[in-house]
Protein backbone atom coordinates (compact mmCIF):
# COMPACT_ATOMS: atom_id res chain seq x y z
CA UNK A 1 -10.87 5.66 -26.89
CA UNK A 2 -12.31 5.73 -23.37
CA UNK A 3 -10.44 4.23 -20.46
CA UNK A 4 -11.81 1.19 -18.71
CA UNK A 5 -12.65 1.94 -15.12
CA UNK A 6 -12.93 -1.71 -14.13
CA UNK A 7 -9.54 -3.15 -14.93
CA UNK A 8 -7.35 -5.30 -12.67
CA UNK A 9 -5.08 -2.48 -11.40
CA UNK A 10 -8.06 -0.28 -10.46
CA UNK A 11 -9.83 -3.18 -8.74
CA UNK A 12 -6.64 -3.92 -6.79
CA UNK A 13 -6.40 -0.26 -5.80
CA UNK A 14 -10.05 -0.20 -4.72
CA UNK A 15 -9.53 -3.37 -2.68
CA UNK A 16 -7.47 -1.30 -0.25
CA UNK A 17 -10.63 0.46 0.93
CA UNK A 18 -12.26 -2.66 2.50
CA UNK A 19 -8.78 -3.78 3.61
CA UNK A 20 -8.47 -0.43 5.42
CA UNK A 21 -11.74 -1.09 7.23
CA UNK A 22 -10.52 -4.56 8.22
CA UNK A 23 -7.17 -3.18 9.37
CA UNK A 24 -8.80 -0.48 11.49
CA UNK A 25 -11.14 -3.03 13.07
CA UNK A 26 -8.15 -5.26 13.92
CA UNK A 27 -6.31 -2.31 15.49
CA UNK A 28 -9.41 -1.24 17.41
CA UNK A 29 -9.80 -4.72 18.92
CA UNK A 30 -6.02 -5.16 19.31
CA UNK A 31 -5.86 -8.19 17.05
CA UNK A 32 -2.25 -7.49 16.14
CA UNK A 33 -1.39 -10.57 14.10
CA UNK A 34 -4.48 -10.27 11.87
CA UNK A 35 -3.73 -6.52 11.55
CA UNK A 36 -0.22 -7.35 10.38
CA UNK A 37 -1.54 -9.87 7.84
CA UNK A 38 -4.21 -7.47 6.53
CA UNK A 39 -1.66 -4.68 6.16
CA UNK A 40 0.75 -7.02 4.36
CA UNK A 41 -2.00 -8.02 1.92
CA UNK A 42 -2.91 -4.35 1.35
CA UNK A 43 0.76 -3.47 0.73
CA UNK A 44 0.99 -6.36 -1.72
CA UNK A 45 -2.01 -5.03 -3.67
CA UNK A 46 -0.22 -1.68 -3.90
CA UNK A 47 2.82 -3.27 -5.51
CA UNK A 48 0.72 -5.61 -7.65
CA UNK A 49 -1.54 -2.92 -9.14
CA UNK A 50 1.45 -0.95 -10.41
CA UNK A 51 3.18 -4.03 -11.76
CA UNK A 52 0.03 -5.24 -13.51
CA UNK A 53 -0.71 -1.82 -15.03
CA UNK A 54 2.78 -1.59 -16.52
CA UNK A 55 3.07 -5.25 -17.56
CA UNK A 56 -0.30 -5.42 -19.33
CA UNK A 57 -0.44 -1.78 -20.45
CA UNK A 58 -3.46 -0.94 -18.29
CA UNK A 59 -2.27 2.41 -16.96
CA UNK A 60 -4.98 5.05 -16.85
CA UNK A 61 -5.72 8.51 -15.49
CA UNK A 62 -8.21 6.91 -13.09
CA UNK A 63 -5.55 4.50 -11.86
CA UNK A 64 -2.96 7.27 -11.44
CA UNK A 65 -5.39 9.09 -9.16
CA UNK A 66 -6.93 6.07 -7.45
CA UNK A 67 -3.70 4.31 -6.45
CA UNK A 68 -2.18 7.11 -4.34
CA UNK A 69 -5.59 8.04 -2.95
CA UNK A 70 -6.27 4.55 -1.60
CA UNK A 71 -2.69 4.41 -0.29
CA UNK A 72 -3.31 7.59 1.68
CA UNK A 73 -6.62 6.25 3.03
CA UNK A 74 -4.94 3.02 4.16
CA UNK A 75 -1.83 4.53 5.71
CA UNK A 76 -3.54 7.58 7.20
CA UNK A 77 -6.30 5.48 8.77
CA UNK A 78 -3.79 3.02 10.22
CA UNK A 79 -1.80 5.78 11.89
CA UNK A 80 -4.95 7.48 13.21
CA UNK A 81 -6.16 4.22 14.78
CA UNK A 82 -2.72 3.62 16.33
CA UNK A 83 -2.65 6.97 18.18
CA UNK A 84 -4.44 5.65 21.32
CA UNK A 85 -2.24 2.51 21.44
CA UNK A 86 0.32 3.41 24.11
CA UNK A 87 2.96 0.91 22.95
CA UNK A 88 2.82 2.32 19.41
CA UNK A 89 4.34 5.62 20.52
CA UNK A 90 2.54 7.58 17.83
CA UNK A 91 1.60 11.08 18.97
CA UNK A 92 -1.28 13.01 17.41
CA UNK A 93 1.11 15.69 16.15
CA UNK A 94 3.01 13.06 14.14
CA UNK A 95 -0.15 11.99 12.36
CA UNK A 96 -1.14 15.63 11.86
CA UNK A 97 2.21 16.29 10.14
CA UNK A 98 1.77 13.23 7.92
CA UNK A 99 -1.82 13.99 6.93
CA UNK A 100 -1.13 17.70 6.41
CA UNK A 101 1.72 16.86 4.04
CA UNK A 102 -0.47 14.40 2.12
CA UNK A 103 -3.38 16.83 1.74
CA UNK A 104 -1.13 19.76 0.84
CA UNK A 105 0.83 17.87 -1.80
CA UNK A 106 -2.31 16.27 -3.25
CA UNK A 107 -3.87 19.72 -3.62
CA UNK A 108 -0.72 21.18 -5.14
CA UNK A 109 -0.39 18.20 -7.52
CA UNK A 110 -3.92 18.93 -8.76
CA UNK A 111 -3.07 22.60 -9.35
CA UNK A 112 0.15 21.82 -11.23
CA UNK A 113 -1.42 19.10 -13.36
CA UNK A 114 -4.44 21.30 -14.16
CA UNK A 115 -1.92 23.80 -15.52
CA UNK A 116 -0.85 21.08 -17.96
CA UNK A 117 2.43 20.16 -16.24
CA UNK A 118 3.53 16.74 -15.02
CA UNK A 119 3.87 16.38 -11.25
CA UNK A 120 4.43 12.71 -10.54
CA UNK A 121 6.00 11.04 -7.55
CA UNK A 122 9.77 11.24 -7.22
CA UNK A 123 12.30 9.18 -5.26
CA UNK A 124 11.87 11.20 -2.04
CA UNK A 125 8.09 10.74 -2.07
CA UNK A 126 8.53 7.04 -2.76
CA UNK A 127 11.04 6.79 0.12
CA UNK A 128 8.46 8.44 2.39
CA UNK A 129 5.81 5.91 1.39
CA UNK A 130 8.19 2.97 1.83
CA UNK A 131 9.17 4.23 5.30
CA UNK A 132 5.50 4.66 6.25
CA UNK A 133 4.85 1.04 5.29
CA UNK A 134 7.97 -0.20 7.07
CA UNK A 135 6.97 1.69 10.23
CA UNK A 136 3.49 0.15 10.14
CA UNK A 137 4.89 -3.35 9.64
CA UNK A 138 7.40 -2.75 12.45
CA UNK A 139 4.83 -1.48 14.96
CA UNK A 140 2.32 -4.23 14.13
CA UNK A 141 5.08 -6.84 14.41
CA UNK A 142 6.22 -5.36 17.75
CA UNK A 143 2.65 -5.34 19.09
CA UNK A 144 2.10 -8.92 17.87
CA UNK A 145 5.29 -10.10 19.58
CA UNK A 146 4.33 -8.38 22.82
CA UNK A 147 0.81 -9.81 22.73
CA UNK A 148 2.05 -13.36 22.32
CA UNK A 149 5.24 -12.88 24.35
CA UNK A 150 7.37 -14.12 21.46
CA UNK A 151 10.44 -12.05 22.23
CA UNK A 152 13.00 -12.12 25.00
CA UNK A 153 13.22 -8.79 26.84
CA UNK A 154 16.45 -7.73 25.13
CA UNK A 155 14.96 -8.44 21.67
CA UNK A 156 11.92 -6.41 22.63
CA UNK A 157 14.15 -3.46 23.60
CA UNK A 158 16.19 -3.78 20.37
CA UNK A 159 13.04 -3.95 18.24
CA UNK A 160 11.52 -0.97 20.04
CA UNK A 161 14.68 1.12 19.46
CA UNK A 162 14.76 0.15 15.79
CA UNK A 163 11.09 1.03 15.46
CA UNK A 164 11.64 4.47 17.01
CA UNK A 165 14.51 5.20 14.61
CA UNK A 166 12.29 4.17 11.69
CA UNK A 167 9.44 6.34 13.01
CA UNK A 168 11.68 9.43 13.15
CA UNK A 169 13.21 8.65 9.75
CA UNK A 170 9.68 8.44 8.32
CA UNK A 171 8.76 11.80 9.84
CA UNK A 172 11.91 13.42 8.45
CA UNK A 173 11.20 11.93 5.00
CA UNK A 174 7.60 13.15 5.24
CA UNK A 175 8.64 16.74 5.95
CA UNK A 176 11.61 16.65 3.56
CA UNK A 177 9.63 15.26 0.64
CA UNK A 178 6.85 17.75 1.32
CA UNK A 179 9.30 20.64 1.15
CA UNK A 180 10.86 19.20 -2.01
CA UNK A 181 7.42 18.98 -3.67
CA UNK A 182 6.67 22.59 -2.69
CA UNK A 183 9.89 23.75 -4.38
CA UNK A 184 9.12 21.58 -7.42
CA UNK A 185 5.57 23.03 -7.64
CA UNK A 186 6.87 26.58 -7.31
CA UNK A 187 9.25 26.02 -10.21
CA UNK A 188 6.57 24.35 -12.33
CA UNK A 189 4.04 27.14 -11.80
CA UNK A 190 6.49 30.03 -12.06
């Protein structure tokens, strides 16, 4: 039996591509509230495609590849577009670390799975993705609040400090999960 390419989970996954374009346009023009809304919708499609695939038994090899790929396009593009935004505090090296980890692990996953072994996401990789999303929501919320002057100065300082902690936690999870996947791949291919 052949898998259906056009099922609801795959369409939801693919919807993140135009949502990525919309998000990047919002960041480019510093439309922070619309950027926050677009990212929230994109994150919702990520949760919804997995839920739908499991609930209605529509999991597929295409979906297993498409879902993380469109996640990486969305999150990677958002961080790249936030680099020149001074208040975001995202340095190019941070994005280079994130993208290098994603490309390296995606390549290794392909090698391990082509050898006939399973190499799915684990809790550390999921934590990394959750932290990436939380950091993006936090920075877009912070930028929205600053644009519309919604926060008192002390709230702004507290939010900024929280955001920086989240940013560093995300970077540590990115590196840590990458190292864990390398060890896991070594053991699988040994």
